[in-house]
Amino acid sequence: MNMDITLLNFLKTPVKVENQDIMMSDMIRLYTINKDKYKTELNLQSKKIFDTTFKGFNYKLEINNELFLENTVSGITDKWIESSQYILSQDSSLIMIKLRMGVLETSEYTTEYTAAG
């Protein structure tokens, strides 16, 4: 899974906020301006998208180095793959969005079973 493309697609996902169609990146901008007003809606929309995209995997979404959303569905995660993107805020500062997905390491050793005929 290409995390850069996944994160870009997430940021371009259309959502409806206050009867207006906007992109998820716009919703994140709104959230950084007024966290209390937009936190619940951003959380619901993000969870809906990521629960579908990462079904069966652990994931984390960070906004400006703060954990915003986390889902742990499988026990231990051996390593994380991640992607980061920056979007401009209303005051022209940068907002960093980081997406991480947990993956289990596979063993170098595999056992192959064959049926003798």
N, C-alpha and C. Protein backbone atom coordinates (compact mmCIF):
# COMPACT_ATOMS: atom_id res chain seq x y z
N MET A 1 0.85 -1.18 0.00
CA MET A 1 0.00 0.00 0.00
C MET A 1 0.90 1.23 0.00
N ASN A 2 0.66 2.14 -0.92
CA ASN A 2 1.43 3.37 -0.99
C ASN A 2 0.80 4.41 -0.06
N MET A 3 1.48 4.68 1.05
CA MET A 3 0.93 5.59 2.06
C MET A 3 0.86 7.03 1.57
N ASP A 4 1.78 7.45 0.69
CA ASP A 4 1.72 8.82 0.16
C ASP A 4 0.43 9.04 -0.62
N ILE A 5 0.11 8.09 -1.48
CA ILE A 5 -1.12 8.20 -2.28
C ILE A 5 -2.35 8.10 -1.39
N THR A 6 -2.30 7.20 -0.40
CA THR A 6 -3.43 7.05 0.52
C THR A 6 -3.70 8.35 1.27
N LEU A 7 -2.65 8.99 1.77
CA LEU A 7 -2.82 10.24 2.50
C LEU A 7 -3.32 11.36 1.58
N LEU A 8 -2.76 11.46 0.38
CA LEU A 8 -3.24 12.48 -0.56
C LEU A 8 -4.71 12.27 -0.91
N ASN A 9 -5.09 11.03 -1.14
CA ASN A 9 -6.50 10.74 -1.43
C ASN A 9 -7.39 11.11 -0.26
N PHE A 10 -6.94 10.84 0.96
CA PHE A 10 -7.69 11.22 2.15
C PHE A 10 -7.89 12.74 2.19
N LEU A 11 -6.83 13.49 1.95
CA LEU A 11 -6.93 14.95 2.02
C LEU A 11 -7.83 15.53 0.94
N LYS A 12 -7.97 14.80 -0.18
CA LYS A 12 -8.82 15.27 -1.28
C LYS A 12 -10.25 14.71 -1.20
N THR A 13 -10.53 13.90 -0.22
CA THR A 13 -11.86 13.30 -0.08
C THR A 13 -12.91 14.38 0.16
N PRO A 14 -13.98 14.37 -0.63
CA PRO A 14 -15.05 15.36 -0.40
C PRO A 14 -15.89 15.00 0.83
N VAL A 15 -16.20 16.01 1.62
CA VAL A 15 -17.08 15.85 2.78
C VAL A 15 -18.05 17.02 2.81
N LYS A 16 -19.17 16.82 3.47
CA LYS A 16 -20.15 17.89 3.59
C LYS A 16 -20.09 18.45 5.01
N VAL A 17 -19.84 19.76 5.10
CA VAL A 17 -19.77 20.44 6.39
C VAL A 17 -20.64 21.69 6.31
N GLU A 18 -21.56 21.79 7.23
CA GLU A 18 -22.47 22.94 7.26
C GLU A 18 -23.11 23.17 5.90
N ASN A 19 -23.59 22.07 5.30
CA ASN A 19 -24.27 22.07 3.99
C ASN A 19 -23.41 22.56 2.84
N GLN A 20 -22.09 22.47 2.99
CA GLN A 20 -21.18 22.82 1.91
C GLN A 20 -20.26 21.65 1.63
N ASP A 21 -19.99 21.41 0.36
CA ASP A 21 -19.04 20.37 -0.02
C ASP A 21 -17.64 20.94 0.01
N ILE A 22 -16.79 20.32 0.83
CA ILE A 22 -15.40 20.74 0.94
C ILE A 22 -14.52 19.48 0.92
N MET A 23 -13.22 19.68 0.82
CA MET A 23 -12.30 18.55 0.90
C MET A 23 -11.88 18.34 2.36
N MET A 24 -11.43 17.15 2.64
CA MET A 24 -10.99 16.83 3.99
C MET A 24 -9.87 17.78 4.44
N SER A 25 -9.00 18.20 3.54
CA SER A 25 -7.94 19.15 3.90
C SER A 25 -8.54 20.48 4.40
N ASP A 26 -9.65 20.89 3.80
CA ASP A 26 -10.33 22.11 4.26
C ASP A 26 -10.92 21.91 5.65
N MET A 27 -11.43 20.72 5.90
CA MET A 27 -11.99 20.43 7.22
C MET A 27 -10.88 20.45 8.28
N ILE A 28 -9.71 19.97 7.92
CA ILE A 28 -8.58 20.01 8.86
C ILE A 28 -8.19 21.46 9.13
N ARG A 29 -8.22 22.29 8.11
CA ARG A 29 -7.95 23.73 8.32
C ARG A 29 -8.96 24.32 9.30
N LEU A 30 -10.23 24.01 9.09
CA LEU A 30 -11.28 24.50 9.99
C LEU A 30 -11.04 24.00 11.41
N TYR A 31 -10.66 22.75 11.53
CA TYR A 31 -10.38 22.17 12.85
C TYR A 31 -9.25 22.91 13.56
N THR A 32 -8.19 23.27 12.84
CA THR A 32 -7.07 23.96 13.49
C THR A 32 -7.46 25.37 13.94
N ILE A 33 -8.48 25.93 13.33
CA ILE A 33 -8.96 27.26 13.72
C ILE A 33 -9.89 27.17 14.92
N ASN A 34 -10.79 26.16 14.90
CA ASN A 34 -11.78 26.01 15.96
C ASN A 34 -11.94 24.53 16.30
N LYS A 35 -11.07 24.03 17.17
CA LYS A 35 -11.05 22.60 17.50
C LYS A 35 -12.36 22.13 18.12
N ASP A 36 -12.92 22.91 19.02
CA ASP A 36 -14.15 22.49 19.68
C ASP A 36 -15.30 22.28 18.71
N LYS A 37 -15.40 23.15 17.72
CA LYS A 37 -16.52 23.09 16.78
C LYS A 37 -16.39 21.94 15.77
N TYR A 38 -15.16 21.64 15.33
CA TYR A 38 -14.99 20.69 14.23
C TYR A 38 -14.39 19.34 14.62
N LYS A 39 -14.00 19.18 15.87
CA LYS A 39 -13.33 17.95 16.27
C LYS A 39 -14.21 16.71 16.06
N THR A 40 -15.43 16.74 16.51
CA THR A 40 -16.31 15.57 16.41
C THR A 40 -16.56 15.19 14.97
N GLU A 41 -16.89 16.16 14.13
CA GLU A 41 -17.18 15.86 12.73
C GLU A 41 -15.93 15.36 11.99
N LEU A 42 -14.79 15.97 12.24
CA LEU A 42 -13.55 15.52 11.61
C LEU A 42 -13.22 14.11 12.07
N ASN A 43 -13.42 13.84 13.33
CA ASN A 43 -13.15 12.50 13.87
C ASN A 43 -14.06 11.46 13.21
N LEU A 44 -15.34 11.75 13.11
CA LEU A 44 -16.29 10.80 12.50
C LEU A 44 -15.97 10.55 11.03
N GLN A 45 -15.72 11.60 10.29
CA GLN A 45 -15.42 11.46 8.86
C GLN A 45 -14.11 10.70 8.64
N SER A 46 -13.08 11.03 9.43
CA SER A 46 -11.79 10.36 9.29
C SER A 46 -11.90 8.89 9.65
N LYS A 47 -12.58 8.59 10.74
CA LYS A 47 -12.74 7.21 11.18
C LYS A 47 -13.48 6.38 10.13
N LYS A 48 -14.50 6.96 9.55
CA LYS A 48 -15.27 6.26 8.51
C LYS A 48 -14.37 5.90 7.32
N ILE A 49 -13.55 6.83 6.90
CA ILE A 49 -12.65 6.60 5.76
C ILE A 49 -11.58 5.57 6.11
N PHE A 50 -10.91 5.76 7.25
CA PHE A 50 -9.79 4.88 7.59
C PHE A 50 -10.23 3.49 8.02
N ASP A 51 -11.38 3.36 8.65
CA ASP A 51 -11.86 2.02 9.01
C ASP A 51 -12.13 1.19 7.76
N THR A 52 -12.51 1.85 6.67
CA THR A 52 -12.72 1.16 5.40
C THR A 52 -11.38 0.88 4.71
N THR A 53 -10.52 1.88 4.67
CA THR A 53 -9.23 1.76 3.98
C THR A 53 -8.30 0.77 4.68
N PHE A 54 -8.25 0.83 6.00
CA PHE A 54 -7.30 0.02 6.77
C PHE A 54 -8.01 -1.08 7.56
N LYS A 55 -9.02 -1.67 6.98
CA LYS A 55 -9.78 -2.71 7.68
C LYS A 55 -8.83 -3.82 8.15
N GLY A 56 -8.83 -4.07 9.45
CA GLY A 56 -7.98 -5.10 10.01
C GLY A 56 -6.58 -4.65 10.37
N PHE A 57 -6.26 -3.36 10.20
CA PHE A 57 -4.93 -2.84 10.51
C PHE A 57 -5.01 -1.76 11.58
N ASN A 58 -3.91 -1.57 12.29
CA ASN A 58 -3.78 -0.45 13.22
C ASN A 58 -3.41 0.79 12.43
N TYR A 59 -3.95 1.94 12.83
CA TYR A 59 -3.57 3.19 12.17
C TYR A 59 -3.60 4.35 13.16
N LYS A 60 -2.87 5.39 12.81
CA LYS A 60 -2.82 6.62 13.61
C LYS A 60 -2.84 7.81 12.67
N LEU A 61 -3.59 8.83 13.02
CA LEU A 61 -3.61 10.09 12.29
C LEU A 61 -3.17 11.18 13.25
N GLU A 62 -2.14 11.92 12.85
CA GLU A 62 -1.64 13.03 13.66
C GLU A 62 -1.83 14.33 12.90
N ILE A 63 -2.19 15.37 13.64
CA ILE A 63 -2.30 16.70 13.08
C ILE A 63 -1.39 17.60 13.92
N ASN A 64 -0.41 18.18 13.26
CA ASN A 64 0.60 19.02 13.94
C ASN A 64 1.23 18.28 15.12
N ASN A 65 1.66 17.05 14.87
CA ASN A 65 2.35 16.21 15.86
C ASN A 65 1.52 15.85 17.08
N GLU A 66 0.20 16.03 17.00
CA GLU A 66 -0.69 15.59 18.07
C GLU A 66 -1.53 14.44 17.54
N LEU A 67 -1.60 13.37 18.32
CA LEU A 67 -2.41 12.23 17.93
C LEU A 67 -3.87 12.66 17.89
N PHE A 68 -4.48 12.55 16.72
CA PHE A 68 -5.88 12.95 16.57
C PHE A 68 -6.80 11.73 16.56
N LEU A 69 -6.39 10.68 15.88
CA LEU A 69 -7.25 9.51 15.73
C LEU A 69 -6.37 8.27 15.74
N GLU A 70 -6.81 7.25 16.47
CA GLU A 70 -6.04 6.01 16.55
C GLU A 70 -7.01 4.84 16.58
N ASN A 71 -6.64 3.80 15.89
CA ASN A 71 -7.45 2.59 15.90
C ASN A 71 -6.52 1.39 16.07
N THR A 72 -6.80 0.59 17.06
CA THR A 72 -6.02 -0.61 17.31
C THR A 72 -6.95 -1.80 17.19
N VAL A 73 -6.81 -2.52 16.09
CA VAL A 73 -7.67 -3.67 15.87
C VAL A 73 -6.92 -4.99 15.97
N SER A 74 -5.64 -4.94 15.73
CA SER A 74 -4.85 -6.17 15.86
C SER A 74 -3.80 -5.93 16.93
N GLY A 75 -3.49 -6.94 17.67
CA GLY A 75 -2.60 -6.86 18.83
C GLY A 75 -1.33 -6.07 18.65
N ILE A 76 -0.25 -6.75 18.42
CA ILE A 76 1.07 -6.12 18.40
C ILE A 76 1.43 -5.69 16.99
N THR A 77 1.92 -4.48 16.88
CA THR A 77 2.41 -3.99 15.60
C THR A 77 3.93 -3.97 15.65
N ASP A 78 4.54 -4.66 14.70
CA ASP A 78 6.00 -4.73 14.68
C ASP A 78 6.65 -3.47 14.15
N LYS A 79 6.04 -2.86 13.16
CA LYS A 79 6.61 -1.62 12.62
C LYS A 79 5.48 -0.79 12.01
N TRP A 80 5.79 0.47 11.80
CA TRP A 80 4.81 1.41 11.23
C TRP A 80 5.35 1.93 9.91
N ILE A 81 4.47 2.01 8.91
CA ILE A 81 4.82 2.74 7.70
C ILE A 81 4.04 4.04 7.76
N GLU A 82 4.61 5.09 7.23
CA GLU A 82 3.97 6.39 7.41
C GLU A 82 4.17 7.31 6.22
N SER A 83 3.36 8.35 6.20
CA SER A 83 3.47 9.41 5.20
C SER A 83 3.08 10.72 5.88
N SER A 84 3.70 11.79 5.45
CA SER A 84 3.38 13.13 5.97
C SER A 84 3.12 14.07 4.81
N GLN A 85 2.19 14.96 5.01
CA GLN A 85 1.88 16.01 4.05
C GLN A 85 1.69 17.32 4.81
N TYR A 86 1.90 18.41 4.12
CA TYR A 86 1.70 19.73 4.71
C TYR A 86 0.63 20.47 3.92
N ILE A 87 -0.24 21.15 4.64
CA ILE A 87 -1.23 22.02 3.99
C ILE A 87 -1.12 23.40 4.63
N LEU A 88 -1.51 24.41 3.88
CA LEU A 88 -1.46 25.77 4.41
C LEU A 88 -2.69 26.07 5.24
N SER A 89 -2.46 26.74 6.36
CA SER A 89 -3.58 27.17 7.19
C SER A 89 -4.07 28.54 6.71
N GLN A 90 -5.07 29.05 7.37
CA GLN A 90 -5.63 30.36 7.01
C GLN A 90 -4.60 31.47 7.14
N ASP A 91 -3.70 31.34 8.12
CA ASP A 91 -2.69 32.39 8.34
C ASP A 91 -1.37 32.10 7.61
N SER A 92 -1.41 31.17 6.65
CA SER A 92 -0.27 30.79 5.82
C SER A 92 0.82 30.00 6.56
N SER A 93 0.52 29.54 7.75
CA SER A 93 1.46 28.64 8.41
C SER A 93 1.18 27.21 7.91
N LEU A 94 2.08 26.32 8.18
CA LEU A 94 1.92 24.95 7.71
C LEU A 94 1.25 24.07 8.75
N ILE A 95 0.37 23.21 8.28
CA ILE A 95 -0.27 22.21 9.11
C ILE A 95 0.29 20.86 8.65
N MET A 96 0.89 20.11 9.58
CA MET A 96 1.44 18.81 9.21
C MET A 96 0.42 17.71 9.51
N ILE A 97 0.17 16.88 8.52
CA ILE A 97 -0.71 15.73 8.66
C ILE A 97 0.17 14.49 8.50
N LYS A 98 0.12 13.59 9.47
CA LYS A 98 0.91 12.36 9.39
C LYS A 98 -0.03 11.18 9.56
N LEU A 99 0.12 10.22 8.68
CA LEU A 99 -0.67 9.00 8.72
C LEU A 99 0.27 7.82 8.90
N ARG A 100 -0.04 6.96 9.86
CA ARG A 100 0.77 5.77 10.12
C ARG A 100 -0.12 4.53 10.07
N MET A 101 0.42 3.47 9.49
CA MET A 101 -0.28 2.19 9.47
C MET A 101 0.64 1.13 10.04
N GLY A 102 0.13 0.35 10.96
CA GLY A 102 0.92 -0.71 11.58
C GLY A 102 0.92 -1.96 10.71
N VAL A 103 2.09 -2.55 10.58
CA VAL A 103 2.22 -3.79 9.82
C VAL A 103 2.99 -4.79 10.67
N LEU A 104 2.66 -6.05 10.52
CA LEU A 104 3.37 -7.11 11.21
C LEU A 104 4.53 -7.56 10.34
N GLU A 105 5.67 -7.74 10.96
CA GLU A 105 6.83 -8.27 10.24
C GLU A 105 6.57 -9.75 9.96
N THR A 106 6.94 -10.20 8.79
CA THR A 106 6.82 -11.63 8.50
C THR A 106 8.16 -12.28 8.73
N SER A 107 8.14 -13.50 9.14
CA SER A 107 9.36 -14.23 9.43
C SER A 107 10.11 -14.54 8.14
N GLU A 108 11.42 -14.56 8.26
CA GLU A 108 12.24 -14.95 7.11
C GLU A 108 12.07 -16.43 6.81
N TYR A 109 11.68 -17.17 7.83
CA TYR A 109 11.58 -18.61 7.69
C TYR A 109 10.13 -19.01 7.46
N THR A 110 9.90 -19.70 6.39
CA THR A 110 8.55 -20.18 6.10
C THR A 110 8.59 -21.68 5.95
N THR A 111 7.51 -22.29 6.27
CA THR A 111 7.41 -23.73 6.11
C THR A 111 6.44 -24.01 4.99
N GLU A 112 6.86 -24.83 4.07
CA GLU A 112 6.00 -25.17 2.94
C GLU A 112 5.59 -26.62 3.08
N TYR A 113 4.30 -26.83 3.04
CA TYR A 113 3.78 -28.19 3.15
C TYR A 113 3.31 -28.64 1.79
N THR A 114 3.64 -29.84 1.43
CA THR A 114 3.15 -30.40 0.18
C THR A 114 2.50 -31.74 0.47
N ALA A 115 1.53 -32.04 -0.33
CA ALA A 115 0.84 -33.33 -0.18
C ALA A 115 1.53 -34.34 -1.10
N ALA A 116 1.94 -35.43 -0.50
CA ALA A 116 2.56 -36.48 -1.31
C ALA A 116 1.46 -37.27 -2.02
N GLY A 117 1.66 -37.57 -3.29
CA GLY A 117 0.59 -38.20 -4.05
C GLY A 117 0.87 -39.54 -4.44
